[in-house]
Protein backbone atom coordinates (compact mmCIF):
# COMPACT_ATOMS: atom_id res chain seq x y z
CA MET A 1 -4.37 23.85 -0.84
CA SER A 2 -1.11 25.28 -0.79
CA ARG A 3 1.87 22.83 -1.10
CA VAL A 4 5.40 22.83 -1.62
CA GLU A 5 7.04 22.66 -5.06
CA VAL A 6 10.57 21.60 -5.89
CA HIS A 7 11.46 21.82 -8.97
CA ILE A 8 15.61 21.52 -8.33
CA SER A 9 18.24 20.63 -9.98
CA LEU A 10 22.23 20.96 -8.92
CA ASP A 11 25.61 19.86 -10.27
CA ARG A 12 29.01 18.73 -8.63
CA PRO A 13 31.91 16.89 -9.39
CA GLY A 14 30.68 13.28 -9.74
CA PHE A 15 27.36 13.80 -8.34
CA SER A 16 24.09 15.54 -9.64
CA LEU A 17 20.82 16.50 -7.90
CA ASP A 18 17.40 16.86 -10.15
CA VAL A 19 14.23 16.82 -8.14
CA ASP A 20 10.66 17.92 -9.39
CA LEU A 21 8.38 17.52 -6.29
CA ASN A 22 4.92 18.29 -5.33
CA LEU A 23 4.79 17.91 -1.16
CA PRO A 24 1.59 18.39 1.20
CA GLY A 25 1.18 22.09 2.67
CA ARG A 26 1.02 20.10 6.19
CA GLY A 27 2.17 17.06 8.06
CA VAL A 28 5.58 15.13 7.79
CA SER A 29 7.07 14.49 4.30
CA ALA A 30 10.01 12.32 4.62
CA LEU A 31 13.43 12.06 2.38
CA PHE A 32 14.46 8.13 2.64
CA GLY A 33 17.14 7.07 1.36
CA PRO A 34 20.92 5.44 1.56
CA SER A 35 23.60 7.79 2.71
CA GLY A 36 24.51 9.99 -0.38
CA SER A 37 21.29 9.91 -2.06
CA GLY A 38 20.95 13.27 -2.08
CA LYS A 39 18.35 13.96 1.27
CA THR A 40 20.71 16.72 3.05
CA THR A 41 21.71 18.45 -0.30
CA LEU A 42 18.05 18.89 -1.23
CA LEU A 43 17.39 19.91 2.15
CA ARG A 44 19.88 22.84 2.02
CA CYS A 45 18.62 23.92 -1.91
CA ILE A 46 15.76 24.26 -0.06
CA ALA A 47 17.00 26.10 2.70
CA GLY A 48 18.62 28.18 0.09
CA LEU A 49 22.66 26.86 1.18
CA GLU A 50 23.49 25.80 -2.36
CA PRO A 51 24.16 29.14 -4.28
CA SER A 52 24.49 27.05 -7.88
CA ALA A 53 21.26 25.46 -7.19
CA GLN A 54 18.87 25.71 -10.26
CA GLY A 55 15.30 25.68 -10.52
CA ARG A 56 11.84 27.13 -8.93
CA LEU A 57 11.10 26.65 -5.37
CA CYS A 58 7.38 27.97 -4.11
CA VAL A 59 6.56 27.20 -0.11
CA LEU A 60 2.78 27.62 0.62
CA GLY A 61 2.27 30.18 -2.54
CA GLU A 62 5.53 32.09 -1.73
CA ILE A 63 8.14 31.94 -4.70
CA TRP A 64 11.41 31.03 -3.09
CA GLN A 65 13.54 30.66 -6.18
CA GLU A 66 12.50 30.87 -9.78
CA GLY A 67 15.35 30.79 -12.15
CA THR A 68 18.34 32.62 -11.33
CA LYS A 69 16.21 34.87 -8.59
CA ARG A 70 16.44 33.48 -4.94
CA LEU A 71 15.47 35.01 -1.58
CA PRO A 72 18.45 34.88 0.29
CA PRO A 73 18.59 31.52 3.29
CA HIS A 74 18.21 34.57 6.54
CA GLN A 75 14.71 35.32 4.46
CA ARG A 76 13.15 32.04 3.65
CA PRO A 77 11.00 31.94 6.84
CA ILE A 78 12.46 28.22 8.06
CA GLY A 79 13.65 26.27 11.17
CA TYR A 80 16.22 23.60 10.41
CA VAL A 81 17.20 21.13 12.61
CA PHE A 82 20.18 19.49 12.27
CA GLN A 83 22.00 16.32 13.21
CA GLU A 84 23.82 18.04 16.08
CA ALA A 85 22.24 20.41 18.43
CA SER A 86 24.59 23.11 17.83
CA LEU A 87 23.36 25.03 20.66
CA PHE A 88 25.35 28.14 21.98
CA PRO A 89 27.16 27.14 24.69
CA HIS A 90 27.61 30.30 26.94
CA LEU A 91 23.37 30.79 26.55
CA SER A 92 21.08 28.95 28.98
CA VAL A 93 18.28 26.86 26.86
CA MET A 94 15.79 29.94 26.81
CA GLY A 95 18.75 32.47 26.05
CA ASN A 96 19.33 30.17 22.94
CA LEU A 97 15.70 30.16 22.03
CA MET A 98 15.41 33.97 22.47
CA TYR A 99 18.57 34.55 20.10
CA GLY A 100 16.53 33.25 17.19
CA ARG A 101 13.10 34.92 18.45
CA LYS A 102 14.31 38.05 18.01
CA ARG A 103 15.41 37.65 14.99
CA THR A 104 11.76 37.47 13.17
CA ALA A 105 9.23 40.36 12.98
CA ILE A 106 6.63 37.46 12.55
CA LYS A 107 5.57 36.68 16.10
CA ASP A 108 2.15 35.64 15.72
CA ILE A 109 2.10 32.23 14.17
CA PHE A 110 3.88 30.05 16.76
CA SER A 111 4.09 31.53 19.84
CA LEU A 112 7.88 30.60 22.03
CA ASP A 113 5.37 29.40 24.85
CA GLN A 114 3.74 26.84 22.43
CA ALA A 115 7.06 25.61 21.65
CA ILE A 116 8.40 24.92 25.57
CA GLU A 117 5.23 23.12 25.88
CA LEU A 118 5.27 20.83 22.47
CA LEU A 119 9.05 20.11 23.20
CA GLY A 120 8.52 19.72 27.21
CA ILE A 121 11.33 22.08 28.24
CA GLY A 122 10.00 24.20 30.74
CA HIS A 123 11.67 22.99 33.41
CA LEU A 124 14.82 23.44 31.45
CA LEU A 125 15.05 27.07 30.69
CA GLU A 126 17.71 28.23 33.14
CA ARG A 127 20.01 25.06 32.43
CA ARG A 128 23.35 25.53 29.57
CA PRO A 129 23.37 23.15 27.47
CA GLU A 130 26.52 21.07 29.10
CA GLN A 131 24.22 20.40 31.30
CA LEU A 132 21.86 18.61 29.17
CA SER A 133 21.32 15.03 27.96
CA GLY A 134 21.70 14.58 24.29
CA GLY A 135 17.82 14.26 24.08
CA GLU A 136 17.53 17.16 25.69
CA ARG A 137 19.57 19.34 23.35
CA GLN A 138 18.20 18.19 20.39
CA ARG A 139 14.23 18.89 22.18
CA VAL A 140 15.77 22.45 22.44
CA ALA A 141 16.90 22.79 19.35
CA ILE A 142 13.42 22.06 17.82
CA ALA A 143 12.22 24.60 19.96
CA ARG A 144 14.62 27.10 18.52
CA ALA A 145 13.99 26.55 15.28
CA LEU A 146 10.01 26.60 15.90
CA ALA A 147 11.06 29.74 17.95
CA VAL A 148 11.46 31.81 14.52
CA CYS A 149 7.80 31.15 13.23
CA PRO A 150 8.85 29.12 10.04
CA ARG A 151 6.66 29.05 7.32
CA LEU A 152 8.12 25.13 6.85
CA LEU A 153 10.49 23.28 9.16
CA LEU A 154 13.32 21.31 7.59
CA MET A 155 15.16 17.91 9.95
CA ASP A 156 18.06 16.20 8.78
CA GLU A 157 18.29 13.67 10.61
CA PRO A 158 17.82 14.56 14.47
CA LEU A 159 18.10 11.37 15.92
CA ALA A 160 21.04 10.10 14.01
CA ALA A 161 23.74 11.32 16.91
CA LEU A 162 21.75 9.86 19.37
CA ASP A 163 21.81 6.50 21.32
CA LEU A 164 18.74 4.20 21.55
CA ALA A 165 17.98 5.28 24.76
CA ARG A 166 17.49 8.96 23.52
CA LYS A 167 15.77 8.01 20.52
CA ARG A 168 12.94 6.54 22.51
CA GLU A 169 13.06 9.82 24.62
CA ILE A 170 12.32 11.99 21.93
CA LEU A 171 10.18 10.21 19.22
CA PRO A 172 7.21 10.80 21.37
CA TYR A 173 7.49 14.61 20.96
CA LEU A 174 8.40 14.72 17.33
CA GLU A 175 4.91 12.62 17.17
CA ARG A 176 3.37 16.13 18.65
CA LEU A 177 4.63 17.88 16.35
CA HIS A 178 3.24 15.65 13.55
CA ASP A 179 -0.01 16.13 15.15
CA GLN A 180 -0.11 19.77 16.33
CA LEU A 181 1.83 21.50 13.50
CA GLU A 182 0.26 23.29 11.27
CA ILE A 183 3.58 23.77 8.77
CA PRO A 184 4.61 21.40 6.76
CA LEU A 185 7.57 19.48 7.65
CA ILE A 186 10.61 17.93 5.59
CA TYR A 187 12.11 15.10 7.68
CA VAL A 188 15.72 13.60 6.41
CA SER A 189 16.29 10.15 7.18
CA HIS A 190 17.53 6.64 6.13
CA ALA A 191 16.14 4.70 9.30
CA THR A 192 12.76 2.71 8.33
CA ASP A 193 11.39 2.87 11.78
CA GLU A 194 11.32 7.01 12.40
CA VAL A 195 9.63 7.12 8.97
CA VAL A 196 6.50 4.68 9.60
CA ARG A 197 6.03 6.36 12.59
CA LEU A 198 5.98 10.02 11.52
CA ALA A 199 5.84 10.79 8.10
CA ASP A 200 2.31 11.17 6.21
CA HIS A 201 4.48 11.52 2.58
CA LEU A 202 7.45 9.32 1.89
CA VAL A 203 9.95 10.74 -0.97
CA VAL A 204 12.70 7.53 -1.75
CA MET A 205 15.67 9.18 -3.36
CA ASN A 206 18.85 7.31 -4.40
CA HIS A 207 21.49 9.19 -6.63
CA GLY A 208 20.27 12.20 -6.41
CA ARG A 209 16.99 11.28 -7.98
CA VAL A 210 13.55 10.66 -6.66
CA GLN A 211 12.62 6.55 -6.83
CA ALA A 212 8.98 7.00 -5.92
CA HIS A 213 7.13 9.56 -3.95
CA GLY A 214 3.53 9.60 -2.44
CA PRO A 215 1.51 8.60 0.73
CA LEU A 216 3.16 6.86 3.33
CA SER A 217 1.20 3.80 2.63
CA GLU A 218 1.05 3.53 -0.77
CA THR A 219 4.34 4.04 -1.19
CA LEU A 220 5.80 1.36 1.36
CA ALA A 221 3.80 -1.03 -0.51
CA CYS A 222 5.70 -0.43 -3.80
CA LEU A 223 9.07 -0.68 -2.11
CA ASP A 224 11.30 -3.45 -1.41
CA LEU A 225 13.22 -3.30 1.65
CA GLY A 226 14.40 -6.11 2.07
CA GLU A 227 13.74 -7.73 5.77
CA GLU A 228 11.89 -4.08 6.62
CA ALA A 229 9.44 -4.90 3.85
CA GLY A 230 6.23 -4.29 4.75
CA VAL A 231 3.00 -1.64 5.06
CA VAL A 232 1.65 1.34 7.58
CA LEU A 233 -2.16 1.05 8.03
CA GLN A 234 -3.98 4.23 9.79
CA GLY A 235 -6.40 2.98 12.18
CA HIS A 236 -7.98 2.96 15.87
CA ILE A 237 -8.81 1.22 18.64
CA GLY A 238 -11.95 -0.64 18.36
CA ALA A 239 -11.65 -2.90 20.94
CA LEU A 240 -10.04 -3.91 24.06
CA GLU A 241 -9.48 -7.57 25.53
CA PRO A 242 -8.18 -6.93 29.44
CA GLU A 243 -8.34 -10.51 29.94
CA TRP A 244 -5.52 -11.60 26.91
CA HIS A 245 -4.22 -7.86 27.31
CA LEU A 246 -5.02 -7.23 23.43
CA ALA A 247 -6.45 -4.78 21.32
CA ARG A 248 -8.10 -4.62 18.13
CA VAL A 249 -7.24 -1.98 15.59
CA ASP A 250 -9.70 -1.55 12.77
CA PHE A 251 -8.06 -0.24 9.92
CA PRO A 252 -9.94 0.54 6.17
CA GLY A 253 -10.66 -3.04 5.43
CA GLY A 254 -10.74 -4.82 8.30
CA SER A 255 -9.33 -5.45 11.78
CA LEU A 256 -5.88 -6.66 13.56
CA TRP A 257 -5.49 -7.58 16.93
CA ALA A 258 -2.06 -6.37 18.74
CA ARG A 259 -0.44 -6.21 22.29
CA ASP A 260 -2.60 -3.79 24.23
CA GLN A 261 -0.65 -0.95 25.16
CA GLY A 262 -3.05 1.01 27.71
CA LEU A 263 -4.00 3.35 24.63
CA PRO A 264 -7.62 4.30 25.10
CA LEU A 265 -10.51 3.59 22.48
CA GLY A 266 -10.78 5.23 19.61
CA ARG A 267 -7.54 6.67 19.98
CA ALA A 268 -6.11 6.48 16.25
CA VAL A 269 -2.57 4.89 15.65
CA ARG A 270 -0.57 3.41 13.09
CA LEU A 271 0.19 -0.80 13.04
CA ARG A 272 3.19 -1.45 11.02
CA VAL A 273 3.18 -4.54 9.28
CA LEU A 274 6.10 -6.53 8.08
CA ALA A 275 6.00 -8.84 4.79
CA ARG A 276 7.85 -11.52 7.00
CA ASP A 277 5.19 -11.76 9.21
CA VAL A 278 2.27 -12.37 6.65
CA SER A 279 1.20 -15.54 5.08
CA LEU A 280 -1.17 -16.56 2.61
CA ALA A 281 -3.49 -19.55 2.08
CA GLN A 282 -6.47 -20.70 -0.30
CA GLN A 283 -8.85 -21.62 3.05
CA PRO A 284 -8.98 -20.46 6.44
CA GLY A 285 -8.17 -23.39 8.58
CA VAL A 286 -7.58 -24.01 12.75
CA SER A 287 -4.51 -22.27 13.32
CA SER A 288 -2.30 -20.12 16.11
CA ILE A 289 -2.71 -16.80 13.81
CA GLN A 290 -5.43 -14.74 15.21
CA ASN A 291 -5.29 -12.44 12.27
CA LEU A 292 -7.25 -13.43 9.27
CA LEU A 293 -8.45 -10.95 6.65
CA ALA A 294 -9.66 -11.65 3.29
CA GLY A 295 -7.94 -10.28 0.30
CA VAL A 296 -7.27 -9.88 -3.46
CA VAL A 297 -3.97 -10.01 -4.92
CA ASP A 298 -2.78 -7.05 -6.94
CA ALA A 299 0.68 -7.87 -8.00
CA LEU A 300 3.08 -10.33 -7.43
CA GLY A 301 7.08 -9.22 -7.32
CA GLU A 302 10.87 -9.67 -6.99
CA ASP A 303 12.30 -10.28 -3.59
CA GLU A 304 16.15 -9.52 -3.29
CA HIS A 305 16.41 -13.38 -2.25
CA PRO A 306 16.23 -15.68 -5.82
CA GLY A 307 14.03 -17.92 -3.82
CA LEU A 308 11.57 -15.55 -2.24
CA ALA A 309 8.95 -13.30 -4.18
CA LEU A 310 6.76 -10.31 -2.89
CA VAL A 311 2.69 -10.53 -2.98
CA ARG A 312 1.42 -7.38 -2.70
CA VAL A 313 -3.00 -7.55 -1.37
CA HIS A 314 -5.88 -5.62 -1.15
CA VAL A 315 -7.71 -6.25 2.01
CA GLY A 316 -10.29 -3.60 1.46
CA GLU A 317 -9.10 -0.29 0.68
CA SER A 318 -5.62 -1.16 2.27
CA LEU A 319 -2.76 -3.03 1.00
CA ILE A 320 -1.08 -5.54 2.70
CA LEU A 321 2.93 -7.44 1.63
CA ALA A 322 3.48 -10.85 2.13
CA ARG A 323 6.52 -12.51 1.25
CA VAL A 324 6.46 -15.76 0.36
CA THR A 325 8.85 -18.73 -1.17
CA LYS A 326 7.88 -18.95 -4.88
CA ARG A 327 7.72 -22.54 -4.88
CA SER A 328 4.78 -21.84 -2.48
CA ALA A 329 3.21 -18.93 -5.02
CA ALA A 330 3.58 -21.55 -7.74
CA THR A 331 1.59 -24.09 -5.94
CA LEU A 332 -1.41 -21.41 -4.60
CA GLY A 333 -1.26 -20.34 -8.16
CA ILE A 334 -1.14 -16.36 -6.97
CA ALA A 335 -2.03 -14.29 -9.87
CA PRO A 336 -3.17 -10.70 -9.52
CA GLY A 337 -6.89 -10.78 -9.04
CA GLN A 338 -7.15 -14.17 -7.13
CA ARG A 339 -8.93 -13.83 -3.87
CA LEU A 340 -7.13 -15.25 -0.67
CA TRP A 341 -6.89 -15.41 3.06
CA VAL A 342 -4.02 -13.02 4.23
CA GLN A 343 -3.06 -14.25 7.97
CA VAL A 344 -0.38 -11.82 10.01
CA LYS A 345 1.32 -13.21 12.75
CA SER A 346 2.17 -10.23 14.69
CA VAL A 347 2.31 -6.66 13.88
CA ALA A 348 4.13 -3.55 15.69
CA LEU A 349 1.37 -0.89 17.22
CA MET A 350 2.45 2.79 17.26
CA GLU A 351 0.81 5.62 18.67
């Protein structure tokens, strides 16, 4: 399978980037980490916007950079979406789309009609940018990036400049990109909620280096993100209980009940399970907690709080994180290989 191979280094006063990555050739790879960790710099290197960057870049079998030889930015078949939409104010939405379209010789990878349909902007084509909401402008910017028929789509915190309402407006369209695009998408963010909804592959960066990377669920399960620590489970709607407004999500290793959001049986979904919403028990008992799973302890790690511990538990083929007090861990004698019960208080269901 073709992949995106990134072996890039860059030195600046007070900062250096040194990255060695092999990313999937399809789906969303998220670059995640705090501000100043090198995420945007890496994206700029991939786009060819950092002329002093050294190394090798191979995208889907095509060499874009090898040592000092490199394709200039305008010859790299990429779509780039920035934090700000940066649309041409004197052009209509259609004019903005066509501006980039006429500069590409490749017309058959992704049609303009597909981009318009995917981003839901058909009714906006005659408007000028000043007549659009922030969310609409960003959807047009994404469609413009797709209109050039890219082999790689780069997105640099595309929701950072939007308020919460606009973020909620645009996230379903980004999920459409995830489901329908055949090309790889590299998505920069420091927002955990965006990453868990959109990413397939997670790259955690800090100080210009890769701290961890791999499939989203596995990589998240190895990280302590404070109150955001947890896992994402891939599953599908296996049953509905209309009387209780609940939906059962089946995943490799078991099933969990979540609030019914009107999704049909069989629909593929993601479940986000936060470590703070998970408790552990040696044996099941009568409880208000409806989600009870048999598990085996995989690892016991330190939490950022000195009195807490993070416990990683195998539930079938899946991993779940639990945050417990160190006193509770000692009382239960928690150790790798131990069988126990995982009690999940609540989950967040994401389409």
